């Protein structure tokens, strides 16, 4: 059964800014965002790392997102996105 993936407006804004300001990473950012959506839409509980109650993380180079997962209504909300430092 699929999950609904929703990006908070602030997270989408940051994603767009990252894409615009890092021309050399555009292909990687787009691929990572597509893969993040795929993972979250299929199995967010198995594809993320729990940070605290209600907040999980997922990394796909070069991005790291923080998400809120609602099992009750099978939705995942991306609340934060950032570039992952290359030395992590």
C-alpha atoms as a PDB file:
ATOM      1  CA  UNK A   1       0.000   0.000   0.000  1.00  0.00           C
ATOM      2  CA  UNK A   2       1.407   3.376  -0.993  1.00  0.00           C
ATOM      3  CA  UNK A   3       2.026   6.390   1.201  1.00  0.00           C
ATOM      4  CA  UNK A   4       1.225  10.016   0.372  1.00  0.00           C
ATOM      5  CA  UNK A   5       4.350  12.181   0.282  1.00  0.00           C
ATOM      6  CA  UNK A   6       3.918  15.894   0.895  1.00  0.00           C
ATOM      7  CA  UNK A   7       6.678  18.503   0.873  1.00  0.00           C
ATOM      8  CA  UNK A   8       6.160  21.439   3.226  1.00  0.00           C
ATOM      9  CA  UNK A   9       6.313  24.768   1.331  1.00  0.00           C
ATOM     10  CA  UNK A  10       9.450  25.774   3.242  1.00  0.00           C
ATOM     11  CA  UNK A  11      11.189  22.518   2.287  1.00  0.00           C
ATOM     12  CA  UNK A  12      10.226  22.969  -1.372  1.00  0.00           C
ATOM     13  CA  UNK A  13      11.564  26.513  -1.285  1.00  0.00           C
ATOM     14  CA  UNK A  14      14.906  25.339   0.103  1.00  0.00           C
ATOM     15  CA  UNK A  15      15.056  22.535  -2.475  1.00  0.00           C
ATOM     16  CA  UNK A  16      14.483  25.041  -5.290  1.00  0.00           C
ATOM     17  CA  UNK A  17      17.136  27.376  -3.888  1.00  0.00           C
ATOM     18  CA  UNK A  18      19.648  24.535  -3.629  1.00  0.00           C
ATOM     19  CA  UNK A  19      18.929  23.476  -7.207  1.00  0.00           C
ATOM     20  CA  UNK A  20      19.298  27.035  -8.517  1.00  0.00           C
ATOM     21  CA  UNK A  21      22.452  27.894  -6.600  1.00  0.00           C
ATOM     22  CA  UNK A  22      24.403  24.655  -7.176  1.00  0.00           C
ATOM     23  CA  UNK A  23      24.478  24.299 -10.958  1.00  0.00           C
ATOM     24  CA  UNK A  24      27.079  21.532 -10.810  1.00  0.00           C
ATOM     25  CA  UNK A  25      24.822  19.445  -8.577  1.00  0.00           C
ATOM     26  CA  UNK A  26      21.506  19.889 -10.373  1.00  0.00           C
ATOM     27  CA  UNK A  27      21.429  16.374 -11.810  1.00  0.00           C
ATOM     28  CA  UNK A  28      22.391  14.865  -8.435  1.00  0.00           C
ATOM     29  CA  UNK A  29      19.830  16.967  -6.549  1.00  0.00           C
ATOM     30  CA  UNK A  30      17.082  15.972  -8.974  1.00  0.00           C
ATOM     31  CA  UNK A  31      18.030  12.274  -8.765  1.00  0.00           C
ATOM     32  CA  UNK A  32      18.182  12.392  -4.971  1.00  0.00           C
ATOM     33  CA  UNK A  33      14.789  14.100  -4.709  1.00  0.00           C
ATOM     34  CA  UNK A  34      13.242  11.501  -7.032  1.00  0.00           C
ATOM     35  CA  UNK A  35      14.742   8.662  -4.989  1.00  0.00           C
ATOM     36  CA  UNK A  36      13.582  10.263  -1.710  1.00  0.00           C
ATOM     37  CA  UNK A  37      10.026  10.495  -3.039  1.00  0.00           C
ATOM     38  CA  UNK A  38      10.173   6.874  -4.193  1.00  0.00           C
ATOM     39  CA  UNK A  39      11.432   5.559  -0.847  1.00  0.00           C
ATOM     40  CA  UNK A  40       8.983   7.623   1.193  1.00  0.00           C
ATOM     41  CA  UNK A  41       6.079   6.622  -1.034  1.00  0.00           C
ATOM     42  CA  UNK A  42       6.820   2.914  -0.679  1.00  0.00           C
ATOM     43  CA  UNK A  43       8.210   2.340   2.813  1.00  0.00           C
ATOM     44  CA  UNK A  44       9.004   5.405   4.911  1.00  0.00           C
ATOM     45  CA  UNK A  45       9.255   3.365   8.106  1.00  0.00           C
ATOM     46  CA  UNK A  46      11.888   1.048   6.665  1.00  0.00           C
ATOM     47  CA  UNK A  47      13.689   3.681   4.599  1.00  0.00           C
ATOM     48  CA  UNK A  48      14.314   6.296   7.271  1.00  0.00           C
ATOM     49  CA  UNK A  49      16.204   6.614  10.539  1.00  0.00           C
ATOM     50  CA  UNK A  50      14.180   7.685  13.578  1.00  0.00           C
ATOM     51  CA  UNK A  51      15.672  10.739  15.274  1.00  0.00           C
ATOM     52  CA  UNK A  52      12.970  11.332  17.877  1.00  0.00           C
ATOM     53  CA  UNK A  53       9.310  10.559  18.270  1.00  0.00           C
ATOM     54  CA  UNK A  54       7.631  11.892  15.149  1.00  0.00           C
ATOM     55  CA  UNK A  55      10.800  12.909  13.310  1.00  0.00           C
ATOM     56  CA  UNK A  56      12.906  10.774  10.971  1.00  0.00           C
ATOM     57  CA  UNK A  57      15.749  11.373   8.535  1.00  0.00           C
ATOM     58  CA  UNK A  58      16.617  10.093   5.088  1.00  0.00           C
ATOM     59  CA  UNK A  59      19.822  10.729   3.173  1.00  0.00           C
ATOM     60  CA  UNK A  60      20.370  10.353  -0.533  1.00  0.00           C
ATOM     61  CA  UNK A  61      23.464  12.149  -1.703  1.00  0.00           C
ATOM     62  CA  UNK A  62      23.672  15.040  -1.874  1.00  0.00           C
ATOM     63  CA  UNK A  63      20.457  15.632   0.120  1.00  0.00           C
ATOM     64  CA  UNK A  64      19.316  14.978   3.662  1.00  0.00           C
ATOM     65  CA  UNK A  65      15.648  15.395   4.560  1.00  0.00           C
ATOM     66  CA  UNK A  66      13.761  15.374   7.835  1.00  0.00           C
ATOM     67  CA  UNK A  67      10.273  13.918   7.712  1.00  0.00           C
ATOM     68  CA  UNK A  68       7.213  13.490   9.877  1.00  0.00           C
ATOM     69  CA  UNK A  69       5.503  10.140   9.380  1.00  0.00           C
ATOM     70  CA  UNK A  70       1.831   9.593  10.198  1.00  0.00           C
ATOM     71  CA  UNK A  71       1.051   5.893  10.200  1.00  0.00           C
ATOM     72  CA  UNK A  72      -2.593   6.587  10.949  1.00  0.00           C
ATOM     73  CA  UNK A  73      -3.288   8.311   7.620  1.00  0.00           C
ATOM     74  CA  UNK A  74      -0.249   6.921   5.749  1.00  0.00           C
ATOM     75  CA  UNK A  75       1.285  10.303   4.989  1.00  0.00           C
ATOM     76  CA  UNK A  76       4.848  11.517   5.055  1.00  0.00           C
ATOM     77  CA  UNK A  77       5.653  15.221   5.256  1.00  0.00           C
ATOM     78  CA  UNK A  78       9.111  16.434   4.282  1.00  0.00           C
ATOM     79  CA  UNK A  79       9.710  19.309   6.696  1.00  0.00           C
ATOM     80  CA  UNK A  80      13.381  20.091   6.047  1.00  0.00           C
ATOM     81  CA  UNK A  81      15.948  19.570   3.313  1.00  0.00           C
ATOM     82  CA  UNK A  82      19.622  20.446   3.132  1.00  0.00           C
ATOM     83  CA  UNK A  83      22.771  19.585   1.259  1.00  0.00           C
ATOM     84  CA  UNK A  84      24.699  16.939   3.057  1.00  0.00           C
ATOM     85  CA  UNK A  85      28.328  17.951   3.562  1.00  0.00           C
ATOM     86  CA  UNK A  86      30.604  15.826   1.394  1.00  0.00           C
ATOM     87  CA  UNK A  87      32.726  14.761   4.375  1.00  0.00           C
ATOM     88  CA  UNK A  88      29.865  13.142   6.355  1.00  0.00           C
END
